[in-house]
Amino acid sequence: MQKSDMHQAYIRSLMLLIGGIPRAGEMDAWLDRISKTTGIGFRSLRAAYYGQWISKYTYVSSKTLNKLEWAADDARQNRDTVEFLELQISIWETSANLYQPKIDMARNFVAWLRRYDAEGSRRSIPVRTVGTAAEAAGLSPAAAKA
């Protein structure tokens, strides 16, 4: 395997981590979703995914690669947090009467981390642009302290 093939496989694995596995026929929508999440242009992502050369020397810029790595790190952290919170929710459900407010708050936060809104439709959240988790969830500073 050549170095460029390994590099392209690495980029594709980052994109799969960020956007999940694309369904058949939704490659453009999948790339668009990753574009909105990472802030990288659609054409740059398409070129990186298919290994199209953007200059004489490379087919992906270091800026694009850095943004993909940041978004992949965020996706990994979100998945680890979701797994932990789901485990914690299952423990709290043994005494649901006592922990119901915590269960509801944890479920809302898990839904936000999975980037779904209340109706269950997928939404795009740019990475590394939100201050605190409370602000990202739409809570006012006073409500976040309570």
C-alpha atoms as a PDB file:
ATOM      1  CA  MET A   1       0.000   0.000   0.000  1.00  0.00           C
ATOM      2  CA  GLN A   2       1.450   3.336  -1.039  1.00  0.00           C
ATOM      3  CA  LYS A   3       1.739   6.287   1.296  1.00  0.00           C
ATOM      4  CA  SER A   4      -0.982   8.207  -0.556  1.00  0.00           C
ATOM      5  CA  ASP A   5      -3.343   5.212  -0.286  1.00  0.00           C
ATOM      6  CA  MET A   6      -2.757   5.035   3.458  1.00  0.00           C
ATOM      7  CA  HIS A   7      -3.327   8.778   3.725  1.00  0.00           C
ATOM      8  CA  GLN A   8      -6.597   8.525   1.809  1.00  0.00           C
ATOM      9  CA  ALA A   9      -7.725   5.611   3.987  1.00  0.00           C
ATOM     10  CA  TYR A  10      -6.974   7.713   7.079  1.00  0.00           C
ATOM     11  CA  ILE A  11      -9.015  10.633   5.717  1.00  0.00           C
ATOM     12  CA  ARG A  12     -11.913   8.337   4.847  1.00  0.00           C
ATOM     13  CA  SER A  13     -11.850   6.814   8.336  1.00  0.00           C
ATOM     14  CA  LEU A  14     -12.020  10.316   9.854  1.00  0.00           C
ATOM     15  CA  MET A  15     -14.976  11.164   7.631  1.00  0.00           C
ATOM     16  CA  LEU A  16     -16.744   7.926   8.595  1.00  0.00           C
ATOM     17  CA  LEU A  17     -16.199   8.718  12.263  1.00  0.00           C
ATOM     18  CA  ILE A  18     -17.685  12.192  11.837  1.00  0.00           C
ATOM     19  CA  GLY A  19     -20.594  11.405   9.534  1.00  0.00           C
ATOM     20  CA  GLY A  20     -21.308   7.759  10.226  1.00  0.00           C
ATOM     21  CA  ILE A  21     -21.753   5.248   7.435  1.00  0.00           C
ATOM     22  CA  PRO A  22     -23.494   6.713   4.374  1.00  0.00           C
ATOM     23  CA  ARG A  23     -26.502   4.919   3.007  1.00  0.00           C
ATOM     24  CA  ALA A  24     -26.638   3.853  -0.613  1.00  0.00           C
ATOM     25  CA  GLY A  25     -27.251   6.825  -2.858  1.00  0.00           C
ATOM     26  CA  GLU A  26     -26.742   9.512  -0.229  1.00  0.00           C
ATOM     27  CA  MET A  27     -23.030  10.243  -0.737  1.00  0.00           C
ATOM     28  CA  ASP A  28     -23.603  13.910  -1.635  1.00  0.00           C
ATOM     29  CA  ALA A  29     -25.934  14.451   1.338  1.00  0.00           C
ATOM     30  CA  TRP A  30     -23.435  12.672   3.587  1.00  0.00           C
ATOM     31  CA  LEU A  31     -20.567  14.857   2.371  1.00  0.00           C
ATOM     32  CA  ASP A  32     -22.767  17.943   2.769  1.00  0.00           C
ATOM     33  CA  ARG A  33     -23.549  16.954   6.374  1.00  0.00           C
ATOM     34  CA  ILE A  34     -19.836  16.540   7.123  1.00  0.00           C
ATOM     35  CA  SER A  35     -19.188  19.870   5.404  1.00  0.00           C
ATOM     36  CA  LYS A  36     -21.678  21.661   7.653  1.00  0.00           C
ATOM     37  CA  THR A  37     -20.330  19.932  10.750  1.00  0.00           C
ATOM     38  CA  THR A  38     -16.664  20.642  10.091  1.00  0.00           C
ATOM     39  CA  GLY A  39     -16.820  23.930   8.211  1.00  0.00           C
ATOM     40  CA  ILE A  40     -14.881  22.460   5.283  1.00  0.00           C
ATOM     41  CA  GLY A  41     -16.151  23.139   1.781  1.00  0.00           C
ATOM     42  CA  PHE A  42     -18.136  20.411   0.043  1.00  0.00           C
ATOM     43  CA  ARG A  43     -15.795  20.305  -2.955  1.00  0.00           C
ATOM     44  CA  SER A  44     -12.721  20.000  -0.728  1.00  0.00           C
ATOM     45  CA  LEU A  45     -14.291  17.079   1.127  1.00  0.00           C
ATOM     46  CA  ARG A  46     -15.317  15.367  -2.087  1.00  0.00           C
ATOM     47  CA  ALA A  47     -11.796  15.772  -3.465  1.00  0.00           C
ATOM     48  CA  ALA A  48     -10.304  14.399  -0.235  1.00  0.00           C
ATOM     49  CA  TYR A  49     -12.695  11.440  -0.142  1.00  0.00           C
ATOM     50  CA  TYR A  50     -12.115  10.417  -3.753  1.00  0.00           C
ATOM     51  CA  GLY A  51      -8.404  11.249  -3.743  1.00  0.00           C
ATOM     52  CA  GLN A  52      -8.625  13.977  -6.365  1.00  0.00           C
ATOM     53  CA  TRP A  53      -5.540  16.165  -6.521  1.00  0.00           C
ATOM     54  CA  ILE A  54      -6.014  19.813  -5.503  1.00  0.00           C
ATOM     55  CA  SER A  55      -2.452  20.829  -6.344  1.00  0.00           C
ATOM     56  CA  LYS A  56       0.664  19.383  -7.891  1.00  0.00           C
ATOM     57  CA  TYR A  57       1.788  17.898  -4.570  1.00  0.00           C
ATOM     58  CA  THR A  58      -1.265  16.956  -2.530  1.00  0.00           C
ATOM     59  CA  TYR A  59      -4.951  16.203  -2.668  1.00  0.00           C
ATOM     60  CA  VAL A  60      -5.801  17.487   0.798  1.00  0.00           C
ATOM     61  CA  SER A  61      -4.596  20.626   2.528  1.00  0.00           C
ATOM     62  CA  SER A  62      -3.233  20.587   6.056  1.00  0.00           C
ATOM     63  CA  LYS A  63      -6.050  22.954   7.106  1.00  0.00           C
ATOM     64  CA  THR A  64      -8.661  20.475   5.855  1.00  0.00           C
ATOM     65  CA  LEU A  65      -6.888  17.603   7.576  1.00  0.00           C
ATOM     66  CA  ASN A  66      -6.695  19.527  10.875  1.00  0.00           C
ATOM     67  CA  LYS A  67     -10.408  20.349  10.763  1.00  0.00           C
ATOM     68  CA  LEU A  68     -11.247  16.705  10.058  1.00  0.00           C
ATOM     69  CA  GLU A  69      -9.082  15.562  12.976  1.00  0.00           C
ATOM     70  CA  TRP A  70     -10.699  18.086  15.345  1.00  0.00           C
ATOM     71  CA  ALA A  71     -14.189  17.010  14.307  1.00  0.00           C
ATOM     72  CA  ALA A  72     -13.252  13.330  14.662  1.00  0.00           C
ATOM     73  CA  ASP A  73     -11.909  13.979  18.174  1.00  0.00           C
ATOM     74  CA  ASP A  74     -15.164  15.724  19.071  1.00  0.00           C
ATOM     75  CA  ALA A  75     -17.148  12.801  17.650  1.00  0.00           C
ATOM     76  CA  ARG A  76     -15.105  10.301  19.702  1.00  0.00           C
ATOM     77  CA  GLN A  77     -15.591  12.326  22.881  1.00  0.00           C
ATOM     78  CA  ASN A  78     -19.327  12.622  22.214  1.00  0.00           C
ATOM     79  CA  ARG A  79     -19.646   8.862  21.703  1.00  0.00           C
ATOM     80  CA  ASP A  80     -17.735   8.115  24.914  1.00  0.00           C
ATOM     81  CA  THR A  81     -19.931  10.570  26.827  1.00  0.00           C
ATOM     82  CA  VAL A  82     -23.112   9.076  25.351  1.00  0.00           C
ATOM     83  CA  GLU A  83     -22.030   5.562  26.371  1.00  0.00           C
ATOM     84  CA  PHE A  84     -21.259   6.724  29.916  1.00  0.00           C
ATOM     85  CA  LEU A  85     -24.552   8.620  30.264  1.00  0.00           C
ATOM     86  CA  GLU A  86     -26.585   5.695  28.935  1.00  0.00           C
ATOM     87  CA  LEU A  87     -24.945   3.449  31.504  1.00  0.00           C
ATOM     88  CA  GLN A  88     -25.616   6.024  34.241  1.00  0.00           C
ATOM     89  CA  ILE A  89     -29.263   6.364  33.144  1.00  0.00           C
ATOM     90  CA  SER A  90     -29.729   2.595  33.376  1.00  0.00           C
ATOM     91  CA  ILE A  91     -28.351   2.694  36.934  1.00  0.00           C
ATOM     92  CA  TRP A  92     -30.579   5.635  37.889  1.00  0.00           C
ATOM     93  CA  GLU A  93     -33.662   3.896  36.464  1.00  0.00           C
ATOM     94  CA  THR A  94     -33.509   1.364  39.305  1.00  0.00           C
ATOM     95  CA  SER A  95     -34.755   4.212  41.544  1.00  0.00           C
ATOM     96  CA  ALA A  96     -36.627   6.258  38.962  1.00  0.00           C
ATOM     97  CA  ASN A  97     -38.734   8.114  41.539  1.00  0.00           C
ATOM     98  CA  LEU A  98     -35.648   9.538  43.195  1.00  0.00           C
ATOM     99  CA  TYR A  99     -33.579  10.259  40.078  1.00  0.00           C
ATOM    100  CA  GLN A 100     -36.240  11.259  37.512  1.00  0.00           C
ATOM    101  CA  PRO A 101     -35.002  14.868  37.070  1.00  0.00           C
ATOM    102  CA  LYS A 102     -31.442  13.621  36.524  1.00  0.00           C
ATOM    103  CA  ILE A 103     -32.670  10.950  34.096  1.00  0.00           C
ATOM    104  CA  ASP A 104     -34.584  13.544  32.048  1.00  0.00           C
ATOM    105  CA  MET A 105     -31.631  15.938  31.997  1.00  0.00           C
ATOM    106  CA  ALA A 106     -29.209  13.184  30.981  1.00  0.00           C
ATOM    107  CA  ARG A 107     -31.535  11.983  28.204  1.00  0.00           C
ATOM    108  CA  ASN A 108     -31.868  15.538  26.861  1.00  0.00           C
ATOM    109  CA  PHE A 109     -28.099  15.956  26.884  1.00  0.00           C
ATOM    110  CA  VAL A 110     -27.607  12.588  25.149  1.00  0.00           C
ATOM    111  CA  ALA A 111     -30.101  13.644  22.473  1.00  0.00           C
ATOM    112  CA  TRP A 112     -28.208  16.908  22.004  1.00  0.00           C
ATOM    113  CA  LEU A 113     -24.884  15.083  21.761  1.00  0.00           C
ATOM    114  CA  ARG A 114     -26.324  12.800  19.123  1.00  0.00           C
ATOM    115  CA  ARG A 115     -27.291  15.951  17.250  1.00  0.00           C
ATOM    116  CA  TYR A 116     -30.970  15.265  17.165  1.00  0.00           C
ATOM    117  CA  ASP A 117     -33.639  17.732  18.122  1.00  0.00           C
ATOM    118  CA  ALA A 118     -36.847  17.021  20.044  1.00  0.00           C
ATOM    119  CA  GLU A 119     -38.693  15.820  16.920  1.00  0.00           C
ATOM    120  CA  GLY A 120     -35.944  13.346  16.112  1.00  0.00           C
ATOM    121  CA  SER A 121     -34.734  15.067  12.962  1.00  0.00           C
ATOM    122  CA  ARG A 122     -31.011  15.394  12.366  1.00  0.00           C
ATOM    123  CA  ARG A 123     -29.484  18.834  12.781  1.00  0.00           C
ATOM    124  CA  SER A 124     -26.032  20.134  12.130  1.00  0.00           C
ATOM    125  CA  ILE A 125     -23.913  21.704  14.861  1.00  0.00           C
ATOM    126  CA  PRO A 126     -20.590  23.282  13.927  1.00  0.00           C
ATOM    127  CA  VAL A 127     -17.803  21.904  16.074  1.00  0.00           C
ATOM    128  CA  ARG A 128     -15.679  24.088  18.387  1.00  0.00           C
ATOM    129  CA  THR A 129     -17.952  27.120  18.090  1.00  0.00           C
ATOM    130  CA  VAL A 130     -20.079  26.713  21.211  1.00  0.00           C
ATOM    131  CA  GLY A 131     -19.049  28.132  24.601  1.00  0.00           C
ATOM    132  CA  THR A 132     -20.443  25.892  27.312  1.00  0.00           C
ATOM    133  CA  ALA A 133     -22.613  22.808  27.076  1.00  0.00           C
ATOM    134  CA  ALA A 134     -25.480  24.727  28.696  1.00  0.00           C
ATOM    135  CA  GLU A 135     -25.275  27.450  26.023  1.00  0.00           C
ATOM    136  CA  ALA A 136     -25.175  24.805  23.305  1.00  0.00           C
ATOM    137  CA  ALA A 137     -28.279  23.149  24.724  1.00  0.00           C
ATOM    138  CA  GLY A 138     -30.069  26.506  24.607  1.00  0.00           C
ATOM    139  CA  LEU A 139     -30.187  27.112  28.357  1.00  0.00           C
ATOM    140  CA  SER A 140     -29.861  30.572  29.792  1.00  0.00           C
ATOM    141  CA  PRO A 141     -26.958  31.172  32.214  1.00  0.00           C
ATOM    142  CA  ALA A 142     -29.412  31.420  35.126  1.00  0.00           C
ATOM    143  CA  ALA A 143     -31.053  28.115  34.222  1.00  0.00           C
ATOM    144  CA  ALA A 144     -27.685  26.430  33.838  1.00  0.00           C
ATOM    145  CA  LYS A 145     -26.661  27.391  37.393  1.00  0.00           C
ATOM    146  CA  ALA A 146     -29.913  26.067  38.875  1.00  0.00           C
END
